[in-house]
Amino acid sequence: MTINATASLLLCFYIAAAARQGVAPEQISGTVQNDILKEYIARGTYAYPPRPSMRLVVDVFKYCAERVPRWNTISISGYHMREAGATAVQELAFTFANAIAYVQAALDAGLPVDGFAPRLSFFFVAQNNLFEEVAKFRAARRIWARIMRDRFGAKDPRSMMLRFHTQTAGVSLTAQQPDNNVIRCAVQALAAILGGSQSLHVNSRDEALALPTEESAQLSLRTQQILA
């Protein structure tokens, strides 16, 4: 769920909907983005001041660790900073700075690091420079493992895993000659795969013009299948 300021509310609605259908919270799996810091940095769609926002984020960590153990409690996002003009290096720097702030806030609230860290997830962009992007993803995995082990003392290997979703770069799409966007997105998707992404979204060729047509969305799916 790509939602941030109201992530805790949407999760509540989801749990309530599951309960009405006889599904226990322990069975629910999914993700809320819940990354309020990047909203302040890159998008501006926050609803509450920073400190109450951070408390809501940590409350989701705590609640899900106790009640909804299969839920990914945050998707810490570099995508939006990169789309707003950051370099590949800055994308990782800002993302991990935010991640450190979330982990520290959770620790300050009394949560054990290995109790919530395995459900943290990330969200990055794949841009046009194939080799730089592959290197970025591979470096990110090493950086996060070292942050969790050396800075925060994590012992569980799952706490050190960089589980991340990748989306191809919306900012790279052109309205002129939109068929060329198919090639751009294929190169970007390949970079994500070679960098070890666990999940992938390939943008559609006509997104610079309008919402994708069904044909374009199918071509994006076929791009993933051909690469696979």
C-alpha atoms as a PDB file:
ATOM      1  CA  MET A   1       0.000   0.000   0.000  1.00  0.00           C
ATOM      2  CA  THR A   2       1.691   3.192  -1.194  1.00  0.00           C
ATOM      3  CA  ILE A   3       0.430   5.286   1.725  1.00  0.00           C
ATOM      4  CA  ASN A   4       2.307   7.245   4.361  1.00  0.00           C
ATOM      5  CA  ALA A   5       0.698   9.822   6.674  1.00  0.00           C
ATOM      6  CA  THR A   6      -2.425   7.666   7.015  1.00  0.00           C
ATOM      7  CA  ALA A   7      -0.692   4.274   6.845  1.00  0.00           C
ATOM      8  CA  SER A   8      -1.766   3.280  10.354  1.00  0.00           C
ATOM      9  CA  LEU A   9      -5.412   4.053   9.526  1.00  0.00           C
ATOM     10  CA  LEU A  10      -5.370   2.092   6.289  1.00  0.00           C
ATOM     11  CA  LEU A  11      -3.791  -0.866   8.060  1.00  0.00           C
ATOM     12  CA  CYS A  12      -6.572  -0.715  10.677  1.00  0.00           C
ATOM     13  CA  PHE A  13      -9.198  -0.785   7.914  1.00  0.00           C
ATOM     14  CA  TYR A  14      -7.442  -3.741   6.306  1.00  0.00           C
ATOM     15  CA  ILE A  15      -7.303  -5.708   9.553  1.00  0.00           C
ATOM     16  CA  ALA A  16     -10.984  -4.951  10.198  1.00  0.00           C
ATOM     17  CA  ALA A  17     -11.928  -6.066   6.678  1.00  0.00           C
ATOM     18  CA  ALA A  18      -9.980  -9.299   7.203  1.00  0.00           C
ATOM     19  CA  ALA A  19     -11.741  -9.910  10.520  1.00  0.00           C
ATOM     20  CA  ARG A  20     -15.152  -9.552   8.860  1.00  0.00           C
ATOM     21  CA  GLN A  21     -14.092 -12.277   6.426  1.00  0.00           C
ATOM     22  CA  GLY A  22     -12.853 -14.568   9.172  1.00  0.00           C
ATOM     23  CA  VAL A  23      -9.133 -13.998   8.512  1.00  0.00           C
ATOM     24  CA  ALA A  24      -6.964 -13.711  11.621  1.00  0.00           C
ATOM     25  CA  PRO A  25      -4.352 -10.914  11.854  1.00  0.00           C
ATOM     26  CA  GLU A  26      -1.616 -13.560  12.017  1.00  0.00           C
ATOM     27  CA  GLN A  27      -2.556 -14.683   8.493  1.00  0.00           C
ATOM     28  CA  ILE A  28      -2.419 -11.251   6.861  1.00  0.00           C
ATOM     29  CA  SER A  29       0.599 -10.349   4.749  1.00  0.00           C
ATOM     30  CA  GLY A  30       1.400  -7.191   2.830  1.00  0.00           C
ATOM     31  CA  THR A  31       3.178  -3.859   3.081  1.00  0.00           C
ATOM     32  CA  VAL A  32       2.443  -0.265   4.032  1.00  0.00           C
ATOM     33  CA  GLN A  33       4.908   2.303   2.751  1.00  0.00           C
ATOM     34  CA  ASN A  34       4.612   4.250   6.046  1.00  0.00           C
ATOM     35  CA  ASP A  35       7.765   6.298   5.229  1.00  0.00           C
ATOM     36  CA  ILE A  36       6.877   9.745   6.507  1.00  0.00           C
ATOM     37  CA  LEU A  37      10.404  11.201   6.413  1.00  0.00           C
ATOM     38  CA  LYS A  38      10.676  10.966   2.646  1.00  0.00           C
ATOM     39  CA  GLU A  39       7.343  12.765   2.443  1.00  0.00           C
ATOM     40  CA  TYR A  40       8.945  15.741   4.177  1.00  0.00           C
ATOM     41  CA  ILE A  41      12.040  15.473   1.967  1.00  0.00           C
ATOM     42  CA  ALA A  42      10.622  14.829  -1.491  1.00  0.00           C
ATOM     43  CA  ARG A  43       6.847  14.873  -1.796  1.00  0.00           C
ATOM     44  CA  GLY A  44       5.198  17.122   0.782  1.00  0.00           C
ATOM     45  CA  THR A  45       2.176  14.884   1.391  1.00  0.00           C
ATOM     46  CA  TYR A  46       2.491  14.679   5.169  1.00  0.00           C
ATOM     47  CA  ALA A  47      -0.456  15.331   7.506  1.00  0.00           C
ATOM     48  CA  TYR A  48       1.088  15.624  10.977  1.00  0.00           C
ATOM     49  CA  PRO A  49       4.219  17.255  12.467  1.00  0.00           C
ATOM     50  CA  PRO A  50       7.426  15.176  12.402  1.00  0.00           C
ATOM     51  CA  ARG A  51       7.459  13.861  15.988  1.00  0.00           C
ATOM     52  CA  PRO A  52       3.835  12.599  16.054  1.00  0.00           C
ATOM     53  CA  SER A  53       4.422  11.163  12.583  1.00  0.00           C
ATOM     54  CA  MET A  54       7.441   9.217  13.812  1.00  0.00           C
ATOM     55  CA  ARG A  55       5.423   7.951  16.781  1.00  0.00           C
ATOM     56  CA  LEU A  56       2.781   6.586  14.393  1.00  0.00           C
ATOM     57  CA  VAL A  57       5.501   4.824  12.392  1.00  0.00           C
ATOM     58  CA  VAL A  58       6.952   3.193  15.511  1.00  0.00           C
ATOM     59  CA  ASP A  59       3.464   2.278  16.775  1.00  0.00           C
ATOM     60  CA  VAL A  60       2.918   0.329  13.546  1.00  0.00           C
ATOM     61  CA  PHE A  61       6.254  -1.456  14.112  1.00  0.00           C
ATOM     62  CA  LYS A  62       5.211  -2.422  17.638  1.00  0.00           C
ATOM     63  CA  TYR A  63       1.632  -3.416  16.867  1.00  0.00           C
ATOM     64  CA  CYS A  64       2.560  -5.597  13.905  1.00  0.00           C
ATOM     65  CA  ALA A  65       5.446  -7.277  15.732  1.00  0.00           C
ATOM     66  CA  GLU A  66       2.933  -8.355  18.381  1.00  0.00           C
ATOM     67  CA  ARG A  67      -0.258  -8.903  16.348  1.00  0.00           C
ATOM     68  CA  VAL A  68       0.425  -9.005  12.571  1.00  0.00           C
ATOM     69  CA  PRO A  69       3.807 -10.755  12.307  1.00  0.00           C
ATOM     70  CA  ARG A  70       3.741 -11.315   8.510  1.00  0.00           C
ATOM     71  CA  TRP A  71       3.183  -7.644   7.692  1.00  0.00           C
ATOM     72  CA  ASN A  72       5.966  -5.460   6.269  1.00  0.00           C
ATOM     73  CA  THR A  73       5.659  -2.428   8.514  1.00  0.00           C
ATOM     74  CA  ILE A  74       7.500   0.098   6.325  1.00  0.00           C
ATOM     75  CA  SER A  75       8.884   0.521   2.828  1.00  0.00           C
ATOM     76  CA  ILE A  76      11.752   2.981   3.247  1.00  0.00           C
ATOM     77  CA  SER A  77      11.870   4.763  -0.062  1.00  0.00           C
ATOM     78  CA  GLY A  78      14.706   6.236  -2.065  1.00  0.00           C
ATOM     79  CA  TYR A  79      12.638   6.304  -5.242  1.00  0.00           C
ATOM     80  CA  HIS A  80      11.016   9.662  -4.553  1.00  0.00           C
ATOM     81  CA  MET A  81      14.272  11.463  -3.699  1.00  0.00           C
ATOM     82  CA  ARG A  82      15.871  10.166  -6.890  1.00  0.00           C
ATOM     83  CA  GLU A  83      12.876  11.215  -8.971  1.00  0.00           C
ATOM     84  CA  ALA A  84      13.149  14.667  -7.360  1.00  0.00           C
ATOM     85  CA  GLY A  85      16.755  15.038  -8.558  1.00  0.00           C
ATOM     86  CA  ALA A  86      19.075  13.081  -6.243  1.00  0.00           C
ATOM     87  CA  THR A  87      22.030  11.142  -7.630  1.00  0.00           C
ATOM     88  CA  ALA A  88      22.404   7.392  -7.145  1.00  0.00           C
ATOM     89  CA  VAL A  89      24.743   7.980  -4.197  1.00  0.00           C
ATOM     90  CA  GLN A  90      22.365  10.509  -2.636  1.00  0.00           C
ATOM     91  CA  GLU A  91      19.461   8.100  -3.100  1.00  0.00           C
ATOM     92  CA  LEU A  92      21.181   5.545  -0.872  1.00  0.00           C
ATOM     93  CA  ALA A  93      22.460   8.174   1.561  1.00  0.00           C
ATOM     94  CA  PHE A  94      19.064   9.765   2.169  1.00  0.00           C
ATOM     95  CA  THR A  95      17.286   6.418   2.314  1.00  0.00           C
ATOM     96  CA  PHE A  96      19.650   4.933   4.879  1.00  0.00           C
ATOM     97  CA  ALA A  97      19.659   8.162   6.910  1.00  0.00           C
ATOM     98  CA  ASN A  98      15.877   7.818   7.152  1.00  0.00           C
ATOM     99  CA  ALA A  99      16.157   4.113   7.940  1.00  0.00           C
ATOM    100  CA  ILE A 100      18.608   4.816  10.769  1.00  0.00           C
ATOM    101  CA  ALA A 101      16.173   7.374  12.191  1.00  0.00           C
ATOM    102  CA  TYR A 102      13.327   4.834  12.151  1.00  0.00           C
ATOM    103  CA  VAL A 103      15.397   2.094  13.776  1.00  0.00           C
ATOM    104  CA  GLN A 104      16.686   4.467  16.465  1.00  0.00           C
ATOM    105  CA  ALA A 105      13.164   5.731  17.190  1.00  0.00           C
ATOM    106  CA  ALA A 106      11.961   2.159  17.619  1.00  0.00           C
ATOM    107  CA  LEU A 107      14.857   1.318  19.922  1.00  0.00           C
ATOM    108  CA  ASP A 108      14.176   4.476  21.961  1.00  0.00           C
ATOM    109  CA  ALA A 109      10.582   3.253  22.351  1.00  0.00           C
ATOM    110  CA  GLY A 110      11.874   0.023  23.890  1.00  0.00           C
ATOM    111  CA  LEU A 111      11.500  -2.338  20.934  1.00  0.00           C
ATOM    112  CA  PRO A 112      14.187  -5.044  20.554  1.00  0.00           C
ATOM    113  CA  VAL A 113      15.997  -4.641  17.244  1.00  0.00           C
ATOM    114  CA  ASP A 114      15.523  -8.234  16.119  1.00  0.00           C
ATOM    115  CA  GLY A 115      11.846  -8.014  17.041  1.00  0.00           C
ATOM    116  CA  PHE A 116      10.977  -5.468  14.333  1.00  0.00           C
ATOM    117  CA  ALA A 117      13.939  -5.202  11.924  1.00  0.00           C
ATOM    118  CA  PRO A 118      13.176  -8.381   9.912  1.00  0.00           C
ATOM    119  CA  ARG A 119       9.946  -6.743   8.647  1.00  0.00           C
ATOM    120  CA  LEU A 120      11.608  -3.545   7.380  1.00  0.00           C
ATOM    121  CA  SER A 121      11.627  -3.242   3.600  1.00  0.00           C
ATOM    122  CA  PHE A 122      12.956  -0.752   1.049  1.00  0.00           C
ATOM    123  CA  PHE A 123      11.962   0.802  -2.268  1.00  0.00           C
ATOM    124  CA  PHE A 124      14.463   2.049  -4.869  1.00  0.00           C
ATOM    125  CA  VAL A 125      14.440   3.339  -8.434  1.00  0.00           C
ATOM    126  CA  ALA A 126      16.223   1.807 -11.415  1.00  0.00           C
ATOM    127  CA  GLN A 127      17.560   4.496 -13.737  1.00  0.00           C
ATOM    128  CA  ASN A 128      19.187   4.345 -17.183  1.00  0.00           C
ATOM    129  CA  ASN A 129      22.844   3.815 -16.227  1.00  0.00           C
ATOM    130  CA  LEU A 130      22.916   0.016 -16.142  1.00  0.00           C
ATOM    131  CA  PHE A 131      26.287  -0.510 -14.447  1.00  0.00           C
ATOM    132  CA  GLU A 132      25.855   2.287 -11.906  1.00  0.00           C
ATOM    133  CA  GLU A 133      22.440   0.978 -10.904  1.00  0.00           C
ATOM    134  CA  VAL A 134      23.598  -2.625 -10.502  1.00  0.00           C
ATOM    135  CA  ALA A 135      26.508  -1.412  -8.371  1.00  0.00           C
ATOM    136  CA  LYS A 136      24.155   0.767  -6.325  1.00  0.00           C
ATOM    137  CA  PHE A 137      21.866  -2.123  -5.439  1.00  0.00           C
ATOM    138  CA  ARG A 138      24.736  -4.453  -4.581  1.00  0.00           C
ATOM    139  CA  ALA A 139      26.433  -1.793  -2.446  1.00  0.00           C
ATOM    140  CA  ALA A 140      23.139  -1.054  -0.703  1.00  0.00           C
ATOM    141  CA  ARG A 141      22.812  -4.643   0.459  1.00  0.00           C
ATOM    142  CA  ARG A 142      26.292  -4.580   2.028  1.00  0.00           C
ATOM    143  CA  ILE A 143      25.770  -1.142   3.599  1.00  0.00           C
ATOM    144  CA  TRP A 144      22.487  -2.104   5.251  1.00  0.00           C
ATOM    145  CA  ALA A 145      23.865  -5.363   6.629  1.00  0.00           C
ATOM    146  CA  ARG A 146      26.770  -3.497   8.220  1.00  0.00           C
ATOM    147  CA  ILE A 147      24.511  -0.765   9.642  1.00  0.00           C
ATOM    148  CA  MET A 148      22.283  -3.316  11.318  1.00  0.00           C
ATOM    149  CA  ARG A 149      25.107  -5.510  12.600  1.00  0.00           C
ATOM    150  CA  ASP A 150      27.682  -2.905  13.633  1.00  0.00           C
ATOM    151  CA  ARG A 151      25.574   0.132  14.563  1.00  0.00           C
ATOM    152  CA  PHE A 152      22.478  -1.484  16.032  1.00  0.00           C
ATOM    153  CA  GLY A 153      23.821  -4.859  17.188  1.00  0.00           C
ATOM    154  CA  ALA A 154      21.349  -7.023  15.289  1.00  0.00           C
ATOM    155  CA  LYS A 155      21.936 -10.748  15.682  1.00  0.00           C
ATOM    156  CA  ASP A 156      19.182 -12.208  13.497  1.00  0.00           C
ATOM    157  CA  PRO A 157      20.391 -12.562   9.858  1.00  0.00           C
ATOM    158  CA  ARG A 158      16.917 -11.503   8.709  1.00  0.00           C
ATOM    159  CA  SER A 159      17.471  -8.115  10.376  1.00  0.00           C
ATOM    160  CA  MET A 160      20.497  -7.562   8.138  1.00  0.00           C
ATOM    161  CA  MET A 161      18.762  -8.452   4.871  1.00  0.00           C
ATOM    162  CA  LEU A 162      17.984  -5.598   2.482  1.00  0.00           C
ATOM    163  CA  ARG A 163      14.590  -6.700   1.192  1.00  0.00           C
ATOM    164  CA  PHE A 164      13.683  -4.216  -1.529  1.00  0.00           C
ATOM    165  CA  HIS A 165      11.214  -3.438  -4.284  1.00  0.00           C
ATOM    166  CA  THR A 166      12.316  -1.600  -7.427  1.00  0.00           C
ATOM    167  CA  GLN A 167      10.382   0.537  -9.873  1.00  0.00           C
ATOM    168  CA  THR A 168      11.711   1.777 -13.183  1.00  0.00           C
ATOM    169  CA  ALA A 169      12.251   5.523 -13.458  1.00  0.00           C
ATOM    170  CA  GLY A 170       9.133   7.523 -14.189  1.00  0.00           C
ATOM    171  CA  VAL A 171      11.190  10.668 -14.666  1.00  0.00           C
ATOM    172  CA  SER A 172      13.062   9.043 -17.575  1.00  0.00           C
ATOM    173  CA  LEU A 173       9.924   8.485 -19.654  1.00  0.00           C
ATOM    174  CA  THR A 174       9.335  10.796 -22.603  1.00  0.00           C
ATOM    175  CA  ALA A 175       6.069  11.888 -24.166  1.00  0.00           C
ATOM    176  CA  GLN A 176       7.833  12.208 -27.509  1.00  0.00           C
ATOM    177  CA  GLN A 177       8.342   8.853 -29.262  1.00  0.00           C
ATOM    178  CA  PRO A 178       6.847   6.931 -26.304  1.00  0.00           C
ATOM    179  CA  ASP A 179       7.674   3.518 -27.808  1.00  0.00           C
ATOM    180  CA  ASN A 180      11.304   4.231 -26.916  1.00  0.00           C
ATOM    181  CA  ASN A 181      10.241   4.020 -23.257  1.00  0.00           C
ATOM    182  CA  VAL A 182       9.929   0.267 -23.703  1.00  0.00           C
ATOM    183  CA  ILE A 183      13.697   0.044 -24.218  1.00  0.00           C
ATOM    184  CA  ARG A 184      14.434   2.392 -21.332  1.00  0.00           C
ATOM    185  CA  CYS A 185      12.304   0.365 -18.944  1.00  0.00           C
ATOM    186  CA  ALA A 186      13.786  -2.953 -20.108  1.00  0.00           C
ATOM    187  CA  VAL A 187      17.340  -1.734 -19.370  1.00  0.00           C
ATOM    188  CA  GLN A 188      16.248  -0.360 -16.001  1.00  0.00           C
ATOM    189  CA  ALA A 189      14.437  -3.573 -15.095  1.00  0.00           C
ATOM    190  CA  LEU A 190      17.527  -5.601 -15.985  1.00  0.00           C
ATOM    191  CA  ALA A 191      19.586  -3.454 -13.611  1.00  0.00           C
ATOM    192  CA  ALA A 192      17.133  -4.162 -10.791  1.00  0.00           C
ATOM    193  CA  ILE A 193      17.278  -7.893 -11.439  1.00  0.00           C
ATOM    194  CA  LEU A 194      21.072  -7.991 -11.591  1.00  0.00           C
ATOM    195  CA  GLY A 195      21.178  -5.932  -8.391  1.00  0.00           C
ATOM    196  CA  GLY A 196      19.090  -8.498  -6.495  1.00  0.00           C
ATOM    197  CA  SER A 197      15.681  -6.847  -6.241  1.00  0.00           C
ATOM    198  CA  GLN A 198      13.004  -9.079  -4.697  1.00  0.00           C
ATOM    199  CA  SER A 199      10.092  -7.430  -6.512  1.00  0.00           C
ATOM    200  CA  LEU A 200       9.792  -5.204  -9.545  1.00  0.00           C
ATOM    201  CA  HIS A 201       7.428  -2.751 -11.196  1.00  0.00           C
ATOM    202  CA  VAL A 202       8.039  -1.858 -14.849  1.00  0.00           C
ATOM    203  CA  ASN A 203       6.457   1.437 -15.903  1.00  0.00           C
ATOM    204  CA  SER A 204       4.377   1.524 -19.056  1.00  0.00           C
ATOM    205  CA  ARG A 205       5.468   3.224 -22.260  1.00  0.00           C
ATOM    206  CA  ASP A 206       2.639   5.796 -22.322  1.00  0.00           C
ATOM    207  CA  GLU A 207       2.737   6.991 -18.696  1.00  0.00           C
ATOM    208  CA  ALA A 208       4.201  10.358 -19.730  1.00  0.00           C
ATOM    209  CA  LEU A 209       0.966  10.926 -21.654  1.00  0.00           C
ATOM    210  CA  ALA A 210      -1.810   9.420 -19.513  1.00  0.00           C
ATOM    211  CA  LEU A 211      -2.748   6.443 -17.403  1.00  0.00           C
ATOM    212  CA  PRO A 212      -1.443   3.315 -19.153  1.00  0.00           C
ATOM    213  CA  THR A 213      -3.628   1.521 -21.635  1.00  0.00           C
ATOM    214  CA  GLU A 214      -4.329  -2.151 -21.029  1.00  0.00           C
ATOM    215  CA  GLU A 215      -2.026  -3.019 -23.947  1.00  0.00           C
ATOM    216  CA  SER A 216       0.813  -0.972 -22.463  1.00  0.00           C
ATOM    217  CA  ALA A 217       0.368  -2.500 -19.022  1.00  0.00           C
ATOM    218  CA  GLN A 218       0.479  -5.970 -20.573  1.00  0.00           C
ATOM    219  CA  LEU A 219       3.698  -5.072 -22.412  1.00  0.00           C
ATOM    220  CA  SER A 220       5.247  -4.032 -19.084  1.00  0.00           C
ATOM    221  CA  LEU A 221       4.321  -7.426 -17.659  1.00  0.00           C
ATOM    222  CA  ARG A 222       5.769  -9.184 -20.721  1.00  0.00           C
ATOM    223  CA  THR A 223       9.003  -7.219 -20.246  1.00  0.00           C
ATOM    224  CA  GLN A 224       9.394  -8.767 -16.802  1.00  0.00           C
ATOM    225  CA  GLN A 225       8.528 -12.240 -18.079  1.00  0.00           C
ATOM    226  CA  ILE A 226      10.992 -12.057 -20.961  1.00  0.00           C
ATOM    227  CA  LEU A 227      13.783 -10.924 -18.616  1.00  0.00           C
ATOM    228  CA  ALA A 228      12.873 -13.718 -16.197  1.00  0.00           C
END
